[in-house]
Amino acid sequence: MRTIFPNVAQVCDRTSVSDLSAEILINAALKYMGIINKDDSSKVVGRSKIRRERIKTRSRMKRKNKEQQSSSEYDIYFDGRKDKTLIMVKEGERATRKNIREQHAVLISEPGSIYIEHVTLISGISHNMKKSILTFFQKKVDRSKLQAVGCDGTRINTDSKIGKTTRAFYGTSSAIAYSLHANEFPLRYILHHLDSKTTEPKGYCGEF
């Protein structure tokens, strides 16, 4: 049974499945396959076991990514987004959990689309993004083999006045702006024209 857990842990992280949800799904599958039943519950998987396996898998993947980066030249690409983050808040003598929305910048390396790290930003403005990413670079990135730094073509990254994030790398490595939004926005207008307005982030109305 141990061989399936690295794959399960990796898939749970990729799909944002919680430990509790993973526990329910895994045990339901094991029950359906007859591995666990009323007479034998020794193979039941608890959420603490899933949590431990997720931590091990993340550490193993980080070590593997560092080895790949140290052995060859690479590029780094980043993009910002807001994520829900679980934090501990102290109220008097008690500590409670609270979900907040934090601005993160996710960094990956190419070739291979290897996840490196994410950095937490004070805000999404260019100055804070530049400061957080450069601090991470100085501590954890071998810049001797870094060939280029890439980002999307949004104004915060490429504008001549406020695009400080990519301009911070000029002179040390190449800056690449990929035009994802140039493809995304026309497609959105086509869908809007053919299908009318969307009803929710994952739903549409009308005929298509």
C-alpha atoms as a PDB file:
ATOM      1  CA  MET A   1       0.000   0.000   0.000  1.00  0.00           C
ATOM      2  CA  ARG A   2       2.924   2.367   0.564  1.00  0.00           C
ATOM      3  CA  THR A   3       3.671   2.604  -3.156  1.00  0.00           C
ATOM      4  CA  ILE A   4       0.420   4.394  -3.986  1.00  0.00           C
ATOM      5  CA  PHE A   5       0.787   7.181  -1.438  1.00  0.00           C
ATOM      6  CA  PRO A   6       3.416   9.344  -3.213  1.00  0.00           C
ATOM      7  CA  ASN A   7       1.171   9.464  -6.298  1.00  0.00           C
ATOM      8  CA  VAL A   8      -1.945  10.129  -4.223  1.00  0.00           C
ATOM      9  CA  ALA A   9      -0.174  12.886  -2.253  1.00  0.00           C
ATOM     10  CA  GLN A  10       1.034  14.556  -5.439  1.00  0.00           C
ATOM     11  CA  VAL A  11      -2.412  14.441  -7.056  1.00  0.00           C
ATOM     12  CA  CYS A  12      -4.051  15.832  -3.893  1.00  0.00           C
ATOM     13  CA  ASP A  13      -1.672  18.815  -3.944  1.00  0.00           C
ATOM     14  CA  ARG A  14      -2.225  19.433  -7.661  1.00  0.00           C
ATOM     15  CA  THR A  15      -6.027  19.387  -7.286  1.00  0.00           C
ATOM     16  CA  SER A  16      -6.184  21.199  -3.893  1.00  0.00           C
ATOM     17  CA  VAL A  17      -7.900  18.248  -2.202  1.00  0.00           C
ATOM     18  CA  SER A  18      -7.868  18.480   1.597  1.00  0.00           C
ATOM     19  CA  ASP A  19      -6.551  15.696   3.853  1.00  0.00           C
ATOM     20  CA  LEU A  20     -10.095  14.920   5.033  1.00  0.00           C
ATOM     21  CA  SER A  21     -11.475  14.674   1.478  1.00  0.00           C
ATOM     22  CA  ALA A  22      -8.525  12.484   0.440  1.00  0.00           C
ATOM     23  CA  GLU A  23      -9.154  10.206   3.429  1.00  0.00           C
ATOM     24  CA  ILE A  24     -12.810   9.741   2.456  1.00  0.00           C
ATOM     25  CA  LEU A  25     -12.030   9.094  -1.221  1.00  0.00           C
ATOM     26  CA  ILE A  26      -9.157   6.660  -0.585  1.00  0.00           C
ATOM     27  CA  ASN A  27     -11.059   4.625   1.995  1.00  0.00           C
ATOM     28  CA  ALA A  28     -14.124   4.502  -0.268  1.00  0.00           C
ATOM     29  CA  ALA A  29     -11.954   3.133  -3.097  1.00  0.00           C
ATOM     30  CA  LEU A  30     -10.273   0.589  -0.805  1.00  0.00           C
ATOM     31  CA  LYS A  31     -13.672  -0.538   0.472  1.00  0.00           C
ATOM     32  CA  TYR A  32     -14.972  -0.951  -3.077  1.00  0.00           C
ATOM     33  CA  MET A  33     -11.920  -3.076  -3.997  1.00  0.00           C
ATOM     34  CA  GLY A  34     -12.465  -5.252  -0.925  1.00  0.00           C
ATOM     35  CA  ILE A  35      -9.167  -4.299   0.722  1.00  0.00           C
ATOM     36  CA  ILE A  36     -10.980  -3.022   3.813  1.00  0.00           C
ATOM     37  CA  ASN A  37     -14.196  -4.484   5.200  1.00  0.00           C
ATOM     38  CA  LYS A  38     -16.025  -5.019   8.485  1.00  0.00           C
ATOM     39  CA  ASP A  39     -13.713  -7.862   9.487  1.00  0.00           C
ATOM     40  CA  ASP A  40     -10.412  -6.220   8.430  1.00  0.00           C
ATOM     41  CA  SER A  41      -9.882  -2.484   8.948  1.00  0.00           C
ATOM     42  CA  SER A  42      -6.078  -2.624   9.207  1.00  0.00           C
ATOM     43  CA  LYS A  43      -5.661  -0.924   5.811  1.00  0.00           C
ATOM     44  CA  VAL A  44      -7.846   2.092   6.658  1.00  0.00           C
ATOM     45  CA  VAL A  45      -6.015   5.324   5.785  1.00  0.00           C
ATOM     46  CA  GLY A  46      -6.214   8.244   8.231  1.00  0.00           C
ATOM     47  CA  ARG A  47      -5.807  11.926   7.410  1.00  0.00           C
ATOM     48  CA  SER A  48      -2.630  12.181   9.519  1.00  0.00           C
ATOM     49  CA  LYS A  49      -0.998   9.525   7.333  1.00  0.00           C
ATOM     50  CA  ILE A  50      -1.984  11.435   4.199  1.00  0.00           C
ATOM     51  CA  ARG A  51      -0.610  14.667   5.685  1.00  0.00           C
ATOM     52  CA  ARG A  52       2.739  13.023   6.488  1.00  0.00           C
ATOM     53  CA  GLU A  53       2.973  11.565   2.996  1.00  0.00           C
ATOM     54  CA  ARG A  54       2.235  14.946   1.419  1.00  0.00           C
ATOM     55  CA  ILE A  55       5.060  16.547   3.417  1.00  0.00           C
ATOM     56  CA  LYS A  56       7.465  13.750   2.368  1.00  0.00           C
ATOM     57  CA  THR A  57       6.444  14.051  -1.287  1.00  0.00           C
ATOM     58  CA  ARG A  58       6.935  17.843  -1.313  1.00  0.00           C
ATOM     59  CA  SER A  59      10.402  17.498   0.248  1.00  0.00           C
ATOM     60  CA  ARG A  60      11.374  14.778  -2.226  1.00  0.00           C
ATOM     61  CA  MET A  61      10.199  16.852  -5.204  1.00  0.00           C
ATOM     62  CA  LYS A  62      12.092  19.929  -3.963  1.00  0.00           C
ATOM     63  CA  ARG A  63      15.319  17.924  -3.684  1.00  0.00           C
ATOM     64  CA  LYS A  64      14.789  16.502  -7.170  1.00  0.00           C
ATOM     65  CA  ASN A  65      14.111  19.955  -8.632  1.00  0.00           C
ATOM     66  CA  LYS A  66      17.255  21.401  -7.036  1.00  0.00           C
ATOM     67  CA  GLU A  67      19.350  18.579  -8.464  1.00  0.00           C
ATOM     68  CA  GLN A  68      17.961  19.200 -11.955  1.00  0.00           C
ATOM     69  CA  GLN A  69      18.596  22.941 -11.718  1.00  0.00           C
ATOM     70  CA  SER A  70      22.169  22.519 -10.474  1.00  0.00           C
ATOM     71  CA  SER A  71      23.080  20.213 -13.347  1.00  0.00           C
ATOM     72  CA  SER A  72      22.060  22.394 -16.310  1.00  0.00           C
ATOM     73  CA  GLU A  73      21.182  25.903 -17.460  1.00  0.00           C
ATOM     74  CA  TYR A  74      17.585  27.007 -16.955  1.00  0.00           C
ATOM     75  CA  ASP A  75      15.044  29.852 -17.196  1.00  0.00           C
ATOM     76  CA  ILE A  76      12.680  31.026 -14.472  1.00  0.00           C
ATOM     77  CA  TYR A  77       9.105  32.178 -15.039  1.00  0.00           C
ATOM     78  CA  PHE A  78       6.787  33.744 -12.478  1.00  0.00           C
ATOM     79  CA  ASP A  79       3.152  34.778 -12.183  1.00  0.00           C
ATOM     80  CA  GLY A  80       1.137  36.327  -9.369  1.00  0.00           C
ATOM     81  CA  ARG A  81      -2.212  35.251  -7.979  1.00  0.00           C
ATOM     82  CA  LYS A  82      -4.315  35.466  -4.818  1.00  0.00           C
ATOM     83  CA  ASP A  83      -4.687  32.238  -2.830  1.00  0.00           C
ATOM     84  CA  LYS A  84      -6.618  31.234   0.258  1.00  0.00           C
ATOM     85  CA  THR A  85      -4.113  30.600   3.063  1.00  0.00           C
ATOM     86  CA  LEU A  86      -4.707  29.009   6.455  1.00  0.00           C
ATOM     87  CA  ILE A  87      -3.038  30.915   9.301  1.00  0.00           C
ATOM     88  CA  MET A  88      -3.063  30.752  13.102  1.00  0.00           C
ATOM     89  CA  VAL A  89      -4.446  33.844  14.839  1.00  0.00           C
ATOM     90  CA  LYS A  90      -3.912  34.344  18.576  1.00  0.00           C
ATOM     91  CA  GLU A  91      -6.945  35.731  20.378  1.00  0.00           C
ATOM     92  CA  GLY A  92      -6.100  36.166  24.033  1.00  0.00           C
ATOM     93  CA  GLU A  93      -4.749  32.829  25.246  1.00  0.00           C
ATOM     94  CA  ARG A  94      -6.323  30.834  22.440  1.00  0.00           C
ATOM     95  CA  ALA A  95      -5.002  30.285  18.929  1.00  0.00           C
ATOM     96  CA  THR A  96      -7.597  29.820  16.195  1.00  0.00           C
ATOM     97  CA  ARG A  97      -7.336  29.003  12.496  1.00  0.00           C
ATOM     98  CA  LYS A  98      -8.377  31.581   9.946  1.00  0.00           C
ATOM     99  CA  ASN A  99      -8.544  31.619   6.146  1.00  0.00           C
ATOM    100  CA  ILE A 100      -7.152  34.753   4.526  1.00  0.00           C
ATOM    101  CA  ARG A 101      -6.390  35.711   0.907  1.00  0.00           C
ATOM    102  CA  GLU A 102      -2.675  36.291   0.277  1.00  0.00           C
ATOM    103  CA  GLN A 103      -0.923  37.562  -2.836  1.00  0.00           C
ATOM    104  CA  HIS A 104       1.561  34.912  -4.019  1.00  0.00           C
ATOM    105  CA  ALA A 105       4.095  34.817  -6.839  1.00  0.00           C
ATOM    106  CA  VAL A 106       4.658  31.287  -8.133  1.00  0.00           C
ATOM    107  CA  LEU A 107       8.043  30.490  -9.694  1.00  0.00           C
ATOM    108  CA  ILE A 108       8.758  27.631 -12.108  1.00  0.00           C
ATOM    109  CA  SER A 109      11.823  26.721 -14.145  1.00  0.00           C
ATOM    110  CA  GLU A 110      12.056  25.660 -17.776  1.00  0.00           C
ATOM    111  CA  PRO A 111      12.564  23.319 -19.516  1.00  0.00           C
ATOM    112  CA  GLY A 112      10.301  20.841 -17.780  1.00  0.00           C
ATOM    113  CA  SER A 113       7.870  23.252 -16.031  1.00  0.00           C
ATOM    114  CA  ILE A 114       9.415  22.422 -12.642  1.00  0.00           C
ATOM    115  CA  TYR A 115       7.833  24.084  -9.610  1.00  0.00           C
ATOM    116  CA  ILE A 116      10.470  25.908  -7.556  1.00  0.00           C
ATOM    117  CA  GLU A 117       8.735  27.879  -4.829  1.00  0.00           C
ATOM    118  CA  HIS A 118       6.116  30.507  -4.124  1.00  0.00           C
ATOM    119  CA  VAL A 119       6.811  33.777  -2.358  1.00  0.00           C
ATOM    120  CA  THR A 120       4.293  35.763  -0.318  1.00  0.00           C
ATOM    121  CA  LEU A 121       3.845  39.387  -1.352  1.00  0.00           C
ATOM    122  CA  ILE A 122       2.751  42.264   0.849  1.00  0.00           C
ATOM    123  CA  SER A 123       0.701  43.482  -2.110  1.00  0.00           C
ATOM    124  CA  GLY A 124       0.513  42.950  -5.858  1.00  0.00           C
ATOM    125  CA  ILE A 125       2.270  46.193  -6.805  1.00  0.00           C
ATOM    126  CA  SER A 126       5.443  45.956  -8.860  1.00  0.00           C
ATOM    127  CA  HIS A 127       7.846  47.216  -6.176  1.00  0.00           C
ATOM    128  CA  ASN A 128       6.796  44.580  -3.614  1.00  0.00           C
ATOM    129  CA  MET A 129       6.844  41.799  -6.208  1.00  0.00           C
ATOM    130  CA  LYS A 130      10.354  42.785  -7.323  1.00  0.00           C
ATOM    131  CA  LYS A 131      11.618  42.945  -3.728  1.00  0.00           C
ATOM    132  CA  SER A 132      10.175  39.541  -2.743  1.00  0.00           C
ATOM    133  CA  ILE A 133      11.425  37.740  -5.866  1.00  0.00           C
ATOM    134  CA  LEU A 134      14.914  39.282  -5.703  1.00  0.00           C
ATOM    135  CA  THR A 135      15.212  38.327  -2.012  1.00  0.00           C
ATOM    136  CA  PHE A 136      14.307  34.735  -2.900  1.00  0.00           C
ATOM    137  CA  PHE A 137      16.842  34.747  -5.768  1.00  0.00           C
ATOM    138  CA  GLN A 138      19.659  35.958  -3.535  1.00  0.00           C
ATOM    139  CA  LYS A 139      19.022  33.222  -0.968  1.00  0.00           C
ATOM    140  CA  LYS A 140      18.084  30.143  -2.997  1.00  0.00           C
ATOM    141  CA  VAL A 141      18.844  30.501  -6.722  1.00  0.00           C
ATOM    142  CA  ASP A 142      22.161  29.816  -8.443  1.00  0.00           C
ATOM    143  CA  ARG A 143      22.225  32.759 -10.849  1.00  0.00           C
ATOM    144  CA  SER A 144      25.366  31.553 -12.633  1.00  0.00           C
ATOM    145  CA  LYS A 145      23.238  29.133 -14.706  1.00  0.00           C
ATOM    146  CA  LEU A 146      20.148  31.349 -14.990  1.00  0.00           C
ATOM    147  CA  GLN A 147      19.620  32.275 -18.638  1.00  0.00           C
ATOM    148  CA  ALA A 148      16.346  34.219 -18.616  1.00  0.00           C
ATOM    149  CA  VAL A 149      13.470  35.414 -16.449  1.00  0.00           C
ATOM    150  CA  GLY A 150       9.968  35.300 -17.913  1.00  0.00           C
ATOM    151  CA  CYS A 151       6.569  36.734 -17.014  1.00  0.00           C
ATOM    152  CA  ASP A 152       3.235  37.497 -18.630  1.00  0.00           C
ATOM    153  CA  GLY A 153       2.630  40.665 -20.598  1.00  0.00           C
ATOM    154  CA  THR A 154       0.559  42.522 -17.998  1.00  0.00           C
ATOM    155  CA  ARG A 155       1.312  46.189 -17.333  1.00  0.00           C
ATOM    156  CA  ILE A 156       2.758  45.570 -13.876  1.00  0.00           C
ATOM    157  CA  ASN A 157       5.596  43.578 -15.463  1.00  0.00           C
ATOM    158  CA  THR A 158       6.281  45.295 -18.784  1.00  0.00           C
ATOM    159  CA  ASP A 159       5.274  48.957 -18.481  1.00  0.00           C
ATOM    160  CA  SER A 160       8.194  51.378 -18.960  1.00  0.00           C
ATOM    161  CA  LYS A 161       7.379  53.219 -15.714  1.00  0.00           C
ATOM    162  CA  ILE A 162       6.014  50.632 -13.290  1.00  0.00           C
ATOM    163  CA  GLY A 163       7.395  47.392 -14.788  1.00  0.00           C
ATOM    164  CA  LYS A 164      10.224  47.190 -12.259  1.00  0.00           C
ATOM    165  CA  THR A 165       9.964  43.445 -11.750  1.00  0.00           C
ATOM    166  CA  THR A 166      11.379  42.394 -15.113  1.00  0.00           C
ATOM    167  CA  ARG A 167      13.593  45.474 -15.516  1.00  0.00           C
ATOM    168  CA  ALA A 168      15.378  44.456 -12.310  1.00  0.00           C
ATOM    169  CA  PHE A 169      16.929  41.553 -14.243  1.00  0.00           C
ATOM    170  CA  TYR A 170      18.231  43.561 -17.212  1.00  0.00           C
ATOM    171  CA  GLY A 171      22.022  43.377 -17.401  1.00  0.00           C
ATOM    172  CA  THR A 172      22.226  40.078 -15.512  1.00  0.00           C
ATOM    173  CA  SER A 173      19.882  37.891 -17.569  1.00  0.00           C
ATOM    174  CA  SER A 174      17.338  38.237 -20.336  1.00  0.00           C
ATOM    175  CA  ALA A 175      13.726  39.190 -19.580  1.00  0.00           C
ATOM    176  CA  ILE A 176      10.974  37.452 -21.550  1.00  0.00           C
ATOM    177  CA  ALA A 177       7.330  38.557 -21.606  1.00  0.00           C
ATOM    178  CA  TYR A 178       4.989  35.897 -22.978  1.00  0.00           C
ATOM    179  CA  SER A 179       1.709  37.100 -24.471  1.00  0.00           C
ATOM    180  CA  LEU A 180      -0.750  34.760 -22.772  1.00  0.00           C
ATOM    181  CA  HIS A 181      -3.345  37.501 -22.364  1.00  0.00           C
ATOM    182  CA  ALA A 182      -3.122  38.380 -26.069  1.00  0.00           C
ATOM    183  CA  ASN A 183      -4.607  34.925 -26.724  1.00  0.00           C
ATOM    184  CA  GLU A 184      -6.921  34.775 -23.719  1.00  0.00           C
ATOM    185  CA  PHE A 185      -8.893  37.987 -24.178  1.00  0.00           C
ATOM    186  CA  PRO A 186      -9.914  37.478 -27.862  1.00  0.00           C
ATOM    187  CA  LEU A 187     -11.042  33.942 -26.965  1.00  0.00           C
ATOM    188  CA  ARG A 188     -13.123  35.347 -24.118  1.00  0.00           C
ATOM    189  CA  TYR A 189     -14.847  37.806 -26.470  1.00  0.00           C
ATOM    190  CA  ILE A 190     -15.573  35.020 -28.971  1.00  0.00           C
ATOM    191  CA  LEU A 191     -17.181  32.882 -26.241  1.00  0.00           C
ATOM    192  CA  HIS A 192     -19.140  35.889 -25.018  1.00  0.00           C
ATOM    193  CA  HIS A 193     -20.440  36.563 -28.543  1.00  0.00           C
ATOM    194  CA  LEU A 194     -21.392  32.936 -29.246  1.00  0.00           C
ATOM    195  CA  ASP A 195     -22.637  31.900 -25.830  1.00  0.00           C
ATOM    196  CA  SER A 196     -23.737  35.198 -24.193  1.00  0.00           C
ATOM    197  CA  LYS A 197     -22.714  36.103 -20.661  1.00  0.00           C
ATOM    198  CA  THR A 198     -21.269  33.533 -18.263  1.00  0.00           C
ATOM    199  CA  THR A 199     -23.353  32.537 -15.247  1.00  0.00           C
ATOM    200  CA  GLU A 200     -20.392  31.607 -13.019  1.00  0.00           C
ATOM    201  CA  PRO A 201     -16.620  30.985 -13.345  1.00  0.00           C
ATOM    202  CA  LYS A 202     -17.246  27.417 -14.557  1.00  0.00           C
ATOM    203  CA  GLY A 203     -20.662  27.709 -16.188  1.00  0.00           C
ATOM    204  CA  TYR A 204     -22.276  29.171 -19.301  1.00  0.00           C
ATOM    205  CA  CYS A 205     -25.811  29.896 -20.478  1.00  0.00           C
ATOM    206  CA  GLY A 206     -27.474  29.672 -23.867  1.00  0.00           C
ATOM    207  CA  GLU A 207     -26.686  27.470 -26.847  1.00  0.00           C
ATOM    208  CA  PHE A 208     -23.147  26.857 -28.003  1.00  0.00           C
END
